[in-house]
Amino acid sequence: MSIRLPAADGGYRLHRPCTAPLAPLVCGPARSRRFYAAAHVVADPLAACAGGPAAQAGP
């Protein structure tokens, strides 16, 4: 399996995740919501600036 990640030159590069987990697997219910915090927020790093409030600088 491979995924396409944005590259600094505006294109994409392929990344193949390793098959071994980086952390030990823990069984049981989650005790923290920290890892859920921004999972649904995904920006397009290659999109043109829309000029919305988040893109405006200054007070």
N, C-alpha and C. Protein backbone atom coordinates (compact mmCIF):
# COMPACT_ATOMS: atom_id res chain seq x y z
N MET A 1 0.84 -1.16 0.00
CA MET A 1 0.00 0.00 0.00
C MET A 1 0.90 1.24 0.00
N SER A 2 0.48 2.26 -0.71
CA SER A 2 1.20 3.53 -0.70
C SER A 2 0.18 4.67 -0.73
N ILE A 3 0.59 5.81 -0.20
CA ILE A 3 -0.27 7.00 -0.20
C ILE A 3 0.50 8.15 -0.84
N ARG A 4 -0.25 9.06 -1.46
CA ARG A 4 0.37 10.24 -2.08
C ARG A 4 0.38 11.38 -1.08
N LEU A 5 1.55 11.95 -0.84
CA LEU A 5 1.70 13.08 0.07
C LEU A 5 2.16 14.30 -0.72
N PRO A 6 1.71 15.51 -0.33
CA PRO A 6 2.14 16.71 -1.04
C PRO A 6 3.64 16.95 -0.83
N ALA A 7 4.30 17.40 -1.89
CA ALA A 7 5.73 17.69 -1.85
C ALA A 7 5.95 19.20 -1.90
N ALA A 8 7.13 19.65 -1.52
CA ALA A 8 7.45 21.08 -1.48
C ALA A 8 7.38 21.73 -2.86
N ASP A 9 7.60 20.96 -3.92
CA ASP A 9 7.60 21.53 -5.27
C ASP A 9 6.19 21.64 -5.87
N GLY A 10 5.16 21.33 -5.07
CA GLY A 10 3.78 21.42 -5.56
C GLY A 10 3.24 20.13 -6.12
N GLY A 11 4.07 19.13 -6.26
CA GLY A 11 3.62 17.83 -6.75
C GLY A 11 3.32 16.90 -5.59
N TYR A 12 3.42 15.63 -5.87
CA TYR A 12 3.17 14.61 -4.86
C TYR A 12 4.33 13.64 -4.83
N ARG A 13 4.48 12.96 -3.70
CA ARG A 13 5.45 11.88 -3.61
C ARG A 13 4.74 10.69 -2.98
N LEU A 14 5.17 9.49 -3.36
CA LEU A 14 4.57 8.29 -2.80
C LEU A 14 5.25 7.93 -1.48
N HIS A 15 4.47 7.50 -0.53
CA HIS A 15 4.99 7.06 0.77
C HIS A 15 4.42 5.69 1.06
N ARG A 16 5.27 4.77 1.45
CA ARG A 16 4.84 3.43 1.83
C ARG A 16 5.00 3.29 3.34
N PRO A 17 3.88 3.24 4.07
CA PRO A 17 3.98 3.09 5.53
C PRO A 17 4.63 1.76 5.90
N CYS A 18 5.34 1.76 7.02
CA CYS A 18 5.94 0.51 7.48
C CYS A 18 4.84 -0.41 7.98
N THR A 19 5.12 -1.68 8.02
CA THR A 19 4.10 -2.64 8.43
C THR A 19 4.06 -2.85 9.93
N ALA A 20 5.12 -2.51 10.64
CA ALA A 20 5.15 -2.70 12.09
C ALA A 20 4.61 -1.47 12.79
N PRO A 21 3.77 -1.66 13.81
CA PRO A 21 3.28 -0.49 14.55
C PRO A 21 4.42 0.20 15.30
N LEU A 22 4.34 1.52 15.41
CA LEU A 22 5.37 2.28 16.11
C LEU A 22 5.18 2.24 17.62
N ALA A 23 3.97 1.99 18.06
CA ALA A 23 3.69 1.92 19.49
C ALA A 23 3.00 0.59 19.78
N PRO A 24 3.15 0.08 20.98
CA PRO A 24 2.47 -1.18 21.31
C PRO A 24 0.96 -1.00 21.28
N LEU A 25 0.26 -2.04 20.87
CA LEU A 25 -1.20 -1.99 20.83
C LEU A 25 -1.74 -2.12 22.24
N VAL A 26 -2.75 -1.32 22.56
CA VAL A 26 -3.35 -1.35 23.89
C VAL A 26 -4.80 -1.78 23.73
N CYS A 27 -5.20 -2.78 24.47
CA CYS A 27 -6.58 -3.25 24.42
C CYS A 27 -7.41 -2.50 25.46
N GLY A 28 -8.67 -2.34 25.16
CA GLY A 28 -9.57 -1.67 26.10
C GLY A 28 -10.05 -0.35 25.55
N PRO A 29 -10.94 0.30 26.27
CA PRO A 29 -11.49 1.57 25.80
C PRO A 29 -10.45 2.69 25.87
N ALA A 30 -10.63 3.66 25.02
CA ALA A 30 -9.73 4.82 25.02
C ALA A 30 -9.93 5.61 26.31
N ARG A 31 -8.83 6.08 26.88
CA ARG A 31 -8.91 6.85 28.12
C ARG A 31 -8.63 8.33 27.86
N SER A 32 -8.35 8.68 26.63
CA SER A 32 -8.05 10.07 26.31
C SER A 32 -8.65 10.40 24.95
N ARG A 33 -9.14 11.62 24.80
CA ARG A 33 -9.68 12.05 23.51
C ARG A 33 -8.65 12.84 22.72
N ARG A 34 -7.45 12.96 23.22
CA ARG A 34 -6.42 13.77 22.57
C ARG A 34 -6.22 13.39 21.11
N PHE A 35 -6.17 12.13 20.79
CA PHE A 35 -5.89 11.71 19.43
C PHE A 35 -7.08 11.89 18.50
N TYR A 36 -8.25 12.27 19.01
CA TYR A 36 -9.41 12.54 18.17
C TYR A 36 -9.51 14.02 17.80
N ALA A 37 -8.75 14.87 18.42
CA ALA A 37 -8.93 16.32 18.37
C ALA A 37 -9.05 16.89 16.96
N ALA A 38 -8.12 16.62 16.07
CA ALA A 38 -8.13 17.26 14.76
C ALA A 38 -8.18 16.24 13.62
N ALA A 39 -8.66 15.06 13.88
CA ALA A 39 -8.69 14.03 12.84
C ALA A 39 -9.61 14.42 11.68
N HIS A 40 -10.61 15.24 11.93
CA HIS A 40 -11.56 15.60 10.88
C HIS A 40 -11.17 16.88 10.14
N VAL A 41 -10.12 17.57 10.55
CA VAL A 41 -9.71 18.83 9.93
C VAL A 41 -8.59 18.54 8.95
N VAL A 42 -8.89 18.65 7.66
CA VAL A 42 -7.89 18.37 6.63
C VAL A 42 -7.90 19.52 5.63
N ALA A 43 -6.77 20.18 5.48
CA ALA A 43 -6.64 21.28 4.53
C ALA A 43 -5.96 20.78 3.27
N ASP A 44 -6.22 21.43 2.16
CA ASP A 44 -5.54 21.11 0.91
C ASP A 44 -4.32 22.02 0.81
N PRO A 45 -3.11 21.50 1.04
CA PRO A 45 -1.92 22.35 1.04
C PRO A 45 -1.56 22.91 -0.33
N LEU A 46 -2.15 22.36 -1.38
CA LEU A 46 -1.83 22.82 -2.73
C LEU A 46 -2.91 23.76 -3.29
N ALA A 47 -3.97 24.03 -2.51
CA ALA A 47 -5.05 24.89 -2.98
C ALA A 47 -4.64 26.36 -2.92
N ALA A 48 -5.22 27.15 -3.80
CA ALA A 48 -4.99 28.60 -3.77
C ALA A 48 -5.70 29.17 -2.55
N CYS A 49 -5.18 30.25 -2.00
CA CYS A 49 -5.78 30.88 -0.83
C CYS A 49 -7.15 31.43 -1.20
N ALA A 50 -8.16 31.07 -0.43
CA ALA A 50 -9.53 31.51 -0.71
C ALA A 50 -9.79 32.92 -0.20
N GLY A 51 -8.91 33.46 0.66
CA GLY A 51 -9.10 34.80 1.18
C GLY A 51 -10.11 34.90 2.29
N GLY A 52 -10.43 33.78 2.93
CA GLY A 52 -11.38 33.78 4.04
C GLY A 52 -10.77 34.40 5.28
N PRO A 53 -11.55 34.49 6.35
CA PRO A 53 -11.09 35.12 7.58
C PRO A 53 -9.82 34.49 8.15
N ALA A 54 -9.66 33.19 8.01
CA ALA A 54 -8.46 32.53 8.55
C ALA A 54 -7.21 32.91 7.76
N ALA A 55 -7.38 33.35 6.53
CA ALA A 55 -6.23 33.70 5.68
C ALA A 55 -5.81 35.15 5.85
N GLN A 56 -6.63 35.97 6.49
CA GLN A 56 -6.32 37.38 6.65
C GLN A 56 -5.40 37.60 7.84
N ALA A 57 -4.38 38.40 7.66
CA ALA A 57 -3.43 38.68 8.74
C ALA A 57 -3.76 40.02 9.37
N GLY A 58 -3.32 40.20 10.58
CA GLY A 58 -3.50 41.48 11.25
C GLY A 58 -4.60 41.45 12.27
N PRO A 59 -4.74 42.54 13.03
CA PRO A 59 -5.76 42.59 14.10
C PRO A 59 -7.16 42.75 13.59
